[in-house]
Amino acid sequence: MDDDRDLLARLRAVDPAGDLEPASTETVSRMLEDVMKQPTDVAEKTADPRTADPKTAATKGAAATKGAGADDATPKAPETKPGATPLWRRVRWAPVLAGAAAAAMVVIAGIGVMNQRTTTTEQPPAAAPEVTSTSIGAPAQVPARCVPPSPEVLAGVQLAVDATVTDVSGTEVTLTVNEWFAGTPTDEVVLTAPAPSLAELVGAPDLQVGQRYLLAANDGQLVVCGFSGPFDSDRSTLYTAAFGG
């Protein structure tokens, strides 16, 4: 591990571009493209003059002297413009630049994914639908004599429902509506329970949780005398005759 760090420190010390500002993504991409366009035999044709074999250079110089005049006997190094990077150095650093460009692309892609995750906002949960309700009061007046239930009279009521009791809290009874026969439909009906004494006098229903009822009302008050009560075959026939089925 220490050898790897020492080698990395040496490479950074001899890096000719170590003091330069980090290149932009466009510059790295352009340099990578230039390197990839270089002929594959450039390294063979252009040798590093500092590492060339003196014997090989002398042999090549002698051969050149025989084929040329006395003035051309001394080999000439390739001309390099002032301030330009020698070709052998560009070729030497080509793999490094290619690796740097690939690493830069990976970093840019990672940043893009992180930004996409950061900007994604969670949608708030949908609000629960509002439950609508209709209120029905207990009968305010007890009729002196009950009129026998008939489809003709029942068909004239303002509200008629088939509903099931879901909660009883004191005198307040909540029913979930199964079917509306008359009136403006709502999700539930909240009924003020009639006094127990009215059950014998006018047939007011004794409302119990889980039980199903057929109920009628006029002017916001429960209609008794057999028009409202537990769901049974006789009352079901009466409501079917009054409202159809």
C-alpha atoms as a PDB file:
ATOM      1  CA  MET A   1       0.000   0.000   0.000  1.00  0.00           C
ATOM      2  CA  ASP A   2       2.873   2.364   0.888  1.00  0.00           C
ATOM      3  CA  ASP A   3       4.627   1.465  -2.382  1.00  0.00           C
ATOM      4  CA  ASP A   4       1.515   2.465  -4.322  1.00  0.00           C
ATOM      5  CA  ARG A   5       1.329   5.823  -2.548  1.00  0.00           C
ATOM      6  CA  ASP A   6       5.065   6.440  -3.148  1.00  0.00           C
ATOM      7  CA  LEU A   7       4.658   5.615  -6.845  1.00  0.00           C
ATOM      8  CA  LEU A   8       1.643   7.929  -7.082  1.00  0.00           C
ATOM      9  CA  ALA A   9       3.631  10.740  -5.412  1.00  0.00           C
ATOM     10  CA  ARG A  10       6.470  10.297  -7.917  1.00  0.00           C
ATOM     11  CA  LEU A  11       4.102  10.369 -10.860  1.00  0.00           C
ATOM     12  CA  ARG A  12       2.538  13.582  -9.576  1.00  0.00           C
ATOM     13  CA  ALA A  13       6.024  15.124  -9.079  1.00  0.00           C
ATOM     14  CA  VAL A  14       7.012  14.534 -12.725  1.00  0.00           C
ATOM     15  CA  ASP A  15       3.607  15.408 -14.136  1.00  0.00           C
ATOM     16  CA  PRO A  16       4.307  18.246 -16.631  1.00  0.00           C
ATOM     17  CA  ALA A  17       0.705  19.405 -16.305  1.00  0.00           C
ATOM     18  CA  GLY A  18       0.569  19.262 -12.521  1.00  0.00           C
ATOM     19  CA  ASP A  19       0.577  23.050 -12.079  1.00  0.00           C
ATOM     20  CA  LEU A  20      -2.103  23.664 -14.674  1.00  0.00           C
ATOM     21  CA  GLU A  21      -5.761  24.308 -13.943  1.00  0.00           C
ATOM     22  CA  PRO A  22      -8.022  21.252 -14.387  1.00  0.00           C
ATOM     23  CA  ALA A  23      -9.163  21.026 -17.988  1.00  0.00           C
ATOM     24  CA  SER A  24     -12.832  21.434 -18.768  1.00  0.00           C
ATOM     25  CA  THR A  25     -14.916  18.545 -20.056  1.00  0.00           C
ATOM     26  CA  GLU A  26     -14.912  20.006 -23.581  1.00  0.00           C
ATOM     27  CA  THR A  27     -11.109  20.325 -23.577  1.00  0.00           C
ATOM     28  CA  VAL A  28     -10.573  16.780 -22.335  1.00  0.00           C
ATOM     29  CA  SER A  29     -12.971  15.428 -24.962  1.00  0.00           C
ATOM     30  CA  ARG A  30     -11.196  17.362 -27.737  1.00  0.00           C
ATOM     31  CA  MET A  31      -7.726  16.193 -26.588  1.00  0.00           C
ATOM     32  CA  LEU A  32      -8.939  12.606 -26.422  1.00  0.00           C
ATOM     33  CA  GLU A  33     -10.312  12.870 -29.942  1.00  0.00           C
ATOM     34  CA  ASP A  34      -6.984  14.308 -31.195  1.00  0.00           C
ATOM     35  CA  VAL A  35      -5.035  11.458 -29.587  1.00  0.00           C
ATOM     36  CA  MET A  36      -7.315   8.802 -31.060  1.00  0.00           C
ATOM     37  CA  LYS A  37      -6.787  10.294 -34.530  1.00  0.00           C
ATOM     38  CA  GLN A  38      -2.971   9.871 -34.286  1.00  0.00           C
ATOM     39  CA  PRO A  39      -1.497   7.086 -36.528  1.00  0.00           C
ATOM     40  CA  THR A  40      -0.714   3.895 -34.628  1.00  0.00           C
ATOM     41  CA  ASP A  41       2.924   3.870 -35.824  1.00  0.00           C
ATOM     42  CA  VAL A  42       3.772   7.350 -34.499  1.00  0.00           C
ATOM     43  CA  ALA A  43       5.606   5.894 -31.526  1.00  0.00           C
ATOM     44  CA  GLU A  44       7.793   3.804 -33.832  1.00  0.00           C
ATOM     45  CA  LYS A  45       8.611   6.652 -36.210  1.00  0.00           C
ATOM     46  CA  THR A  46       9.218   9.248 -33.506  1.00  0.00           C
ATOM     47  CA  ALA A  47      11.644   8.114 -30.853  1.00  0.00           C
ATOM     48  CA  ASP A  48      12.597   9.883 -27.657  1.00  0.00           C
ATOM     49  CA  PRO A  49      16.019  11.499 -28.446  1.00  0.00           C
ATOM     50  CA  ARG A  50      16.999  11.157 -24.771  1.00  0.00           C
ATOM     51  CA  THR A  51      16.636   7.333 -24.813  1.00  0.00           C
ATOM     52  CA  ALA A  52      17.916   6.592 -28.339  1.00  0.00           C
ATOM     53  CA  ASP A  53      20.733   4.033 -28.676  1.00  0.00           C
ATOM     54  CA  PRO A  54      23.983   5.929 -29.537  1.00  0.00           C
ATOM     55  CA  LYS A  55      25.221   3.058 -31.698  1.00  0.00           C
ATOM     56  CA  THR A  56      21.996   2.890 -33.659  1.00  0.00           C
ATOM     57  CA  ALA A  57      22.032   6.662 -34.112  1.00  0.00           C
ATOM     58  CA  ALA A  58      25.661   6.562 -35.313  1.00  0.00           C
ATOM     59  CA  THR A  59      24.890   3.781 -37.806  1.00  0.00           C
ATOM     60  CA  LYS A  60      21.915   5.683 -39.170  1.00  0.00           C
ATOM     61  CA  GLY A  61      24.088   8.846 -39.374  1.00  0.00           C
ATOM     62  CA  ALA A  62      26.803   7.035 -41.329  1.00  0.00           C
ATOM     63  CA  ALA A  63      24.269   5.671 -43.775  1.00  0.00           C
ATOM     64  CA  ALA A  64      22.860   9.100 -44.262  1.00  0.00           C
ATOM     65  CA  THR A  65      26.387  10.486 -44.878  1.00  0.00           C
ATOM     66  CA  LYS A  66      27.037   8.033 -47.678  1.00  0.00           C
ATOM     67  CA  GLY A  67      23.826   8.933 -49.451  1.00  0.00           C
ATOM     68  CA  ALA A  68      24.212  12.683 -49.060  1.00  0.00           C
ATOM     69  CA  GLY A  69      26.836  15.387 -49.416  1.00  0.00           C
ATOM     70  CA  ALA A  70      29.412  16.468 -46.844  1.00  0.00           C
ATOM     71  CA  ASP A  71      27.237  19.309 -45.623  1.00  0.00           C
ATOM     72  CA  ASP A  72      24.407  16.892 -44.729  1.00  0.00           C
ATOM     73  CA  ALA A  73      26.607  14.423 -42.826  1.00  0.00           C
ATOM     74  CA  THR A  74      25.444  15.584 -39.377  1.00  0.00           C
ATOM     75  CA  PRO A  75      21.953  14.256 -38.456  1.00  0.00           C
ATOM     76  CA  LYS A  76      19.442  16.945 -37.626  1.00  0.00           C
ATOM     77  CA  ALA A  77      16.838  16.606 -34.870  1.00  0.00           C
ATOM     78  CA  PRO A  78      13.192  17.194 -35.824  1.00  0.00           C
ATOM     79  CA  GLU A  79      12.325  20.856 -35.647  1.00  0.00           C
ATOM     80  CA  THR A  80       9.946  21.897 -32.891  1.00  0.00           C
ATOM     81  CA  LYS A  81       8.223  25.247 -32.769  1.00  0.00           C
ATOM     82  CA  PRO A  82       8.963  27.356 -29.694  1.00  0.00           C
ATOM     83  CA  GLY A  83       6.498  26.628 -26.885  1.00  0.00           C
ATOM     84  CA  ALA A  84       5.080  23.519 -28.632  1.00  0.00           C
ATOM     85  CA  THR A  85       5.001  20.132 -26.887  1.00  0.00           C
ATOM     86  CA  PRO A  86       7.232  17.565 -28.649  1.00  0.00           C
ATOM     87  CA  LEU A  87       5.391  14.806 -30.451  1.00  0.00           C
ATOM     88  CA  TRP A  88       7.131  12.063 -28.435  1.00  0.00           C
ATOM     89  CA  ARG A  89       5.795  13.633 -25.231  1.00  0.00           C
ATOM     90  CA  ARG A  90       2.279  13.847 -26.633  1.00  0.00           C
ATOM     91  CA  VAL A  91       2.391  10.183 -27.603  1.00  0.00           C
ATOM     92  CA  ARG A  92       3.817   9.224 -24.210  1.00  0.00           C
ATOM     93  CA  TRP A  93       0.953  10.899 -22.323  1.00  0.00           C
ATOM     94  CA  ALA A  94      -1.800   9.679 -24.668  1.00  0.00           C
ATOM     95  CA  PRO A  95      -2.857   6.743 -22.418  1.00  0.00           C
ATOM     96  CA  VAL A  96      -2.900   9.059 -19.396  1.00  0.00           C
ATOM     97  CA  LEU A  97      -5.124  11.579 -21.177  1.00  0.00           C
ATOM     98  CA  ALA A  98      -7.434   8.832 -22.403  1.00  0.00           C
ATOM     99  CA  GLY A  99      -7.825   7.491 -18.853  1.00  0.00           C
ATOM    100  CA  ALA A 100      -8.425  10.993 -17.482  1.00  0.00           C
ATOM    101  CA  ALA A 101     -11.101  11.646 -20.098  1.00  0.00           C
ATOM    102  CA  ALA A 102     -12.877   8.374 -19.288  1.00  0.00           C
ATOM    103  CA  ALA A 103     -12.754   9.156 -15.547  1.00  0.00           C
ATOM    104  CA  ALA A 104     -14.156  12.630 -16.177  1.00  0.00           C
ATOM    105  CA  MET A 105     -17.063  11.179 -18.137  1.00  0.00           C
ATOM    106  CA  VAL A 106     -17.876   8.770 -15.291  1.00  0.00           C
ATOM    107  CA  VAL A 107     -17.815  11.610 -12.730  1.00  0.00           C
ATOM    108  CA  ILE A 108     -20.082  13.804 -14.882  1.00  0.00           C
ATOM    109  CA  ALA A 109     -22.561  10.946 -15.349  1.00  0.00           C
ATOM    110  CA  GLY A 110     -22.578  10.306 -11.584  1.00  0.00           C
ATOM    111  CA  ILE A 111     -23.255  13.967 -10.830  1.00  0.00           C
ATOM    112  CA  GLY A 112     -26.138  13.957 -13.309  1.00  0.00           C
ATOM    113  CA  VAL A 113     -27.730  10.920 -11.628  1.00  0.00           C
ATOM    114  CA  MET A 114     -27.322  12.496  -8.165  1.00  0.00           C
ATOM    115  CA  ASN A 115     -28.909  15.744  -9.330  1.00  0.00           C
ATOM    116  CA  GLN A 116     -31.820  13.823 -10.846  1.00  0.00           C
ATOM    117  CA  ARG A 117     -32.420  11.995  -7.568  1.00  0.00           C
ATOM    118  CA  THR A 118     -32.147  15.211  -5.559  1.00  0.00           C
ATOM    119  CA  THR A 119     -34.623  17.138  -7.701  1.00  0.00           C
ATOM    120  CA  THR A 120     -37.253  14.384  -7.533  1.00  0.00           C
ATOM    121  CA  THR A 121     -39.945  15.524  -5.118  1.00  0.00           C
ATOM    122  CA  GLU A 122     -42.400  13.211  -3.420  1.00  0.00           C
ATOM    123  CA  GLN A 123     -46.038  13.854  -4.141  1.00  0.00           C
ATOM    124  CA  PRO A 124     -48.170  14.437  -1.038  1.00  0.00           C
ATOM    125  CA  PRO A 125     -50.713  11.692  -0.309  1.00  0.00           C
ATOM    126  CA  ALA A 126     -54.146  12.223  -1.773  1.00  0.00           C
ATOM    127  CA  ALA A 127     -56.661  13.656   0.641  1.00  0.00           C
ATOM    128  CA  ALA A 128     -59.390  11.289   1.814  1.00  0.00           C
ATOM    129  CA  PRO A 129     -62.744  11.951   0.151  1.00  0.00           C
ATOM    130  CA  GLU A 130     -65.164  13.985   2.266  1.00  0.00           C
ATOM    131  CA  VAL A 131     -68.100  12.022   3.703  1.00  0.00           C
ATOM    132  CA  THR A 132     -71.455  13.711   3.102  1.00  0.00           C
ATOM    133  CA  SER A 133     -74.291  13.380   5.607  1.00  0.00           C
ATOM    134  CA  THR A 134     -78.049  13.998   5.976  1.00  0.00           C
ATOM    135  CA  SER A 135     -79.647  14.655   9.372  1.00  0.00           C
ATOM    136  CA  ILE A 136     -83.053  13.302  10.408  1.00  0.00           C
ATOM    137  CA  GLY A 137     -84.711  14.225  13.692  1.00  0.00           C
ATOM    138  CA  ALA A 138     -87.070  12.200  15.851  1.00  0.00           C
ATOM    139  CA  PRO A 139     -90.796  12.839  15.295  1.00  0.00           C
ATOM    140  CA  ALA A 140     -91.744  16.028  17.130  1.00  0.00           C
ATOM    141  CA  GLN A 141     -95.452  15.244  17.308  1.00  0.00           C
ATOM    142  CA  VAL A 142     -97.155  11.934  17.880  1.00  0.00           C
ATOM    143  CA  PRO A 143    -100.145  11.499  15.576  1.00  0.00           C
ATOM    144  CA  ALA A 144    -103.458  10.849  17.302  1.00  0.00           C
ATOM    145  CA  ARG A 145    -104.122   7.980  14.971  1.00  0.00           C
ATOM    146  CA  CYS A 146    -101.756   6.243  12.546  1.00  0.00           C
ATOM    147  CA  VAL A 147    -102.638   6.059   8.889  1.00  0.00           C
ATOM    148  CA  PRO A 148    -102.130   2.541   7.522  1.00  0.00           C
ATOM    149  CA  PRO A 149     -98.965   2.430   5.349  1.00  0.00           C
ATOM    150  CA  SER A 150     -99.653   2.587   1.616  1.00  0.00           C
ATOM    151  CA  PRO A 151     -97.495   2.988  -1.490  1.00  0.00           C
ATOM    152  CA  GLU A 152     -99.418   6.156  -2.452  1.00  0.00           C
ATOM    153  CA  VAL A 153     -98.645   7.937   0.842  1.00  0.00           C
ATOM    154  CA  LEU A 154     -95.035   6.663   0.971  1.00  0.00           C
ATOM    155  CA  ALA A 155     -94.348   7.859  -2.579  1.00  0.00           C
ATOM    156  CA  GLY A 156     -95.004  11.458  -1.412  1.00  0.00           C
ATOM    157  CA  VAL A 157     -92.322  11.597   1.311  1.00  0.00           C
ATOM    158  CA  GLN A 158     -89.319  13.868   0.880  1.00  0.00           C
ATOM    159  CA  LEU A 159     -86.706  11.304   1.949  1.00  0.00           C
ATOM    160  CA  ALA A 160     -86.624   7.530   1.826  1.00  0.00           C
ATOM    161  CA  VAL A 161     -83.592   5.260   2.221  1.00  0.00           C
ATOM    162  CA  ASP A 162     -82.411   1.707   2.715  1.00  0.00           C
ATOM    163  CA  ALA A 163     -79.609   2.004   5.320  1.00  0.00           C
ATOM    164  CA  THR A 164     -77.580   0.033   7.878  1.00  0.00           C
ATOM    165  CA  VAL A 165     -76.696   1.278  11.383  1.00  0.00           C
ATOM    166  CA  THR A 166     -72.903   1.623  11.830  1.00  0.00           C
ATOM    167  CA  ASP A 167     -72.731   3.531  15.125  1.00  0.00           C
ATOM    168  CA  VAL A 168     -74.925   4.488  18.082  1.00  0.00           C
ATOM    169  CA  SER A 169     -73.636   7.227  20.384  1.00  0.00           C
ATOM    170  CA  GLY A 170     -76.257   8.266  22.950  1.00  0.00           C
ATOM    171  CA  THR A 171     -79.301   9.342  20.984  1.00  0.00           C
ATOM    172  CA  GLU A 172     -77.296   9.894  17.784  1.00  0.00           C
ATOM    173  CA  VAL A 173     -77.459   7.029  15.290  1.00  0.00           C
ATOM    174  CA  THR A 174     -75.264   6.897  12.173  1.00  0.00           C
ATOM    175  CA  LEU A 175     -76.368   4.805   9.202  1.00  0.00           C
ATOM    176  CA  THR A 176     -74.583   4.009   5.950  1.00  0.00           C
ATOM    177  CA  VAL A 177     -76.970   4.316   3.012  1.00  0.00           C
ATOM    178  CA  ASN A 178     -77.445   1.229   0.832  1.00  0.00           C
ATOM    179  CA  GLU A 179     -79.966   2.812  -1.531  1.00  0.00           C
ATOM    180  CA  TRP A 180     -81.738   6.144  -1.947  1.00  0.00           C
ATOM    181  CA  PHE A 181     -85.386   6.106  -2.975  1.00  0.00           C
ATOM    182  CA  ALA A 182     -86.149   9.808  -2.464  1.00  0.00           C
ATOM    183  CA  GLY A 183     -84.168  12.910  -1.472  1.00  0.00           C
ATOM    184  CA  THR A 184     -80.682  14.233  -2.229  1.00  0.00           C
ATOM    185  CA  PRO A 185     -78.178  11.338  -1.946  1.00  0.00           C
ATOM    186  CA  THR A 186     -75.406  11.503   0.675  1.00  0.00           C
ATOM    187  CA  ASP A 187     -72.974   8.907   2.027  1.00  0.00           C
ATOM    188  CA  GLU A 188     -74.650   8.522   5.398  1.00  0.00           C
ATOM    189  CA  VAL A 189     -77.675   9.494   7.463  1.00  0.00           C
ATOM    190  CA  VAL A 190     -77.443  10.732  11.053  1.00  0.00           C
ATOM    191  CA  LEU A 191     -80.696  10.119  12.911  1.00  0.00           C
ATOM    192  CA  THR A 192     -81.854  11.240  16.348  1.00  0.00           C
ATOM    193  CA  ALA A 193     -83.239   8.085  17.908  1.00  0.00           C
ATOM    194  CA  PRO A 194     -86.922   8.249  18.902  1.00  0.00           C
ATOM    195  CA  ALA A 195     -87.818   7.829  22.568  1.00  0.00           C
ATOM    196  CA  PRO A 196     -88.377   4.191  23.552  1.00  0.00           C
ATOM    197  CA  SER A 197     -92.000   4.996  24.497  1.00  0.00           C
ATOM    198  CA  LEU A 198     -92.785   5.789  20.841  1.00  0.00           C
ATOM    199  CA  ALA A 199     -92.074   2.211  19.811  1.00  0.00           C
ATOM    200  CA  GLU A 200     -95.370   1.017  21.262  1.00  0.00           C
ATOM    201  CA  LEU A 201     -97.384   4.155  20.495  1.00  0.00           C
ATOM    202  CA  VAL A 202     -96.528   4.791  16.857  1.00  0.00           C
ATOM    203  CA  GLY A 203     -94.183   1.939  15.898  1.00  0.00           C
ATOM    204  CA  ALA A 204     -90.939   3.962  16.059  1.00  0.00           C
ATOM    205  CA  PRO A 205     -87.978   1.690  15.251  1.00  0.00           C
ATOM    206  CA  ASP A 206     -85.452   0.556  17.882  1.00  0.00           C
ATOM    207  CA  LEU A 207     -82.188   1.183  16.010  1.00  0.00           C
ATOM    208  CA  GLN A 208     -79.358  -1.314  16.650  1.00  0.00           C
ATOM    209  CA  VAL A 209     -75.793  -1.457  15.256  1.00  0.00           C
ATOM    210  CA  GLY A 210     -75.462  -3.788  12.276  1.00  0.00           C
ATOM    211  CA  GLN A 211     -79.211  -3.897  11.567  1.00  0.00           C
ATOM    212  CA  ARG A 212     -80.755  -2.824   8.256  1.00  0.00           C
ATOM    213  CA  TYR A 213     -83.698  -0.394   8.097  1.00  0.00           C
ATOM    214  CA  LEU A 214     -86.085   1.246   5.648  1.00  0.00           C
ATOM    215  CA  LEU A 215     -86.611   4.858   6.744  1.00  0.00           C
ATOM    216  CA  ALA A 216     -88.825   7.712   5.523  1.00  0.00           C
ATOM    217  CA  ALA A 217     -88.798  11.385   6.556  1.00  0.00           C
ATOM    218  CA  ASN A 218     -90.654  14.640   5.907  1.00  0.00           C
ATOM    219  CA  ASP A 219     -89.403  18.107   6.825  1.00  0.00           C
ATOM    220  CA  GLY A 220     -86.329  16.588   8.474  1.00  0.00           C
ATOM    221  CA  GLN A 221     -88.354  14.364  10.852  1.00  0.00           C
ATOM    222  CA  LEU A 222     -88.761  10.598  10.862  1.00  0.00           C
ATOM    223  CA  VAL A 223     -92.097   9.273   9.574  1.00  0.00           C
ATOM    224  CA  VAL A 224     -93.381   6.511  11.852  1.00  0.00           C
ATOM    225  CA  CYS A 225     -96.623   4.455  11.932  1.00  0.00           C
ATOM    226  CA  GLY A 226     -95.075   1.594   9.960  1.00  0.00           C
ATOM    227  CA  PHE A 227     -93.428   3.675   7.228  1.00  0.00           C
ATOM    228  CA  SER A 228     -90.033   3.404   8.976  1.00  0.00           C
ATOM    229  CA  GLY A 229     -88.720   0.214  10.558  1.00  0.00           C
ATOM    230  CA  PRO A 230     -86.532  -2.857  10.206  1.00  0.00           C
ATOM    231  CA  PHE A 231     -85.970  -4.258   6.720  1.00  0.00           C
ATOM    232  CA  ASP A 232     -88.441  -7.127   6.212  1.00  0.00           C
ATOM    233  CA  SER A 233     -90.431  -8.600   3.366  1.00  0.00           C
ATOM    234  CA  ASP A 234     -93.643  -6.595   4.028  1.00  0.00           C
ATOM    235  CA  ARG A 235     -91.864  -3.233   4.296  1.00  0.00           C
ATOM    236  CA  SER A 236     -89.608  -4.079   1.323  1.00  0.00           C
ATOM    237  CA  THR A 237     -92.728  -4.780  -0.778  1.00  0.00           C
ATOM    238  CA  LEU A 238     -94.198  -1.449   0.340  1.00  0.00           C
ATOM    239  CA  TYR A 239     -91.098   0.502  -0.730  1.00  0.00           C
ATOM    240  CA  THR A 240     -90.857  -1.358  -4.027  1.00  0.00           C
ATOM    241  CA  ALA A 241     -94.481  -0.539  -4.810  1.00  0.00           C
ATOM    242  CA  ALA A 242     -93.931   3.147  -3.906  1.00  0.00           C
ATOM    243  CA  PHE A 243     -90.597   3.745  -5.666  1.00  0.00           C
ATOM    244  CA  GLY A 244     -90.206   0.838  -8.076  1.00  0.00           C
ATOM    245  CA  GLY A 245     -87.534  -1.783  -7.884  1.00  0.00           C
END
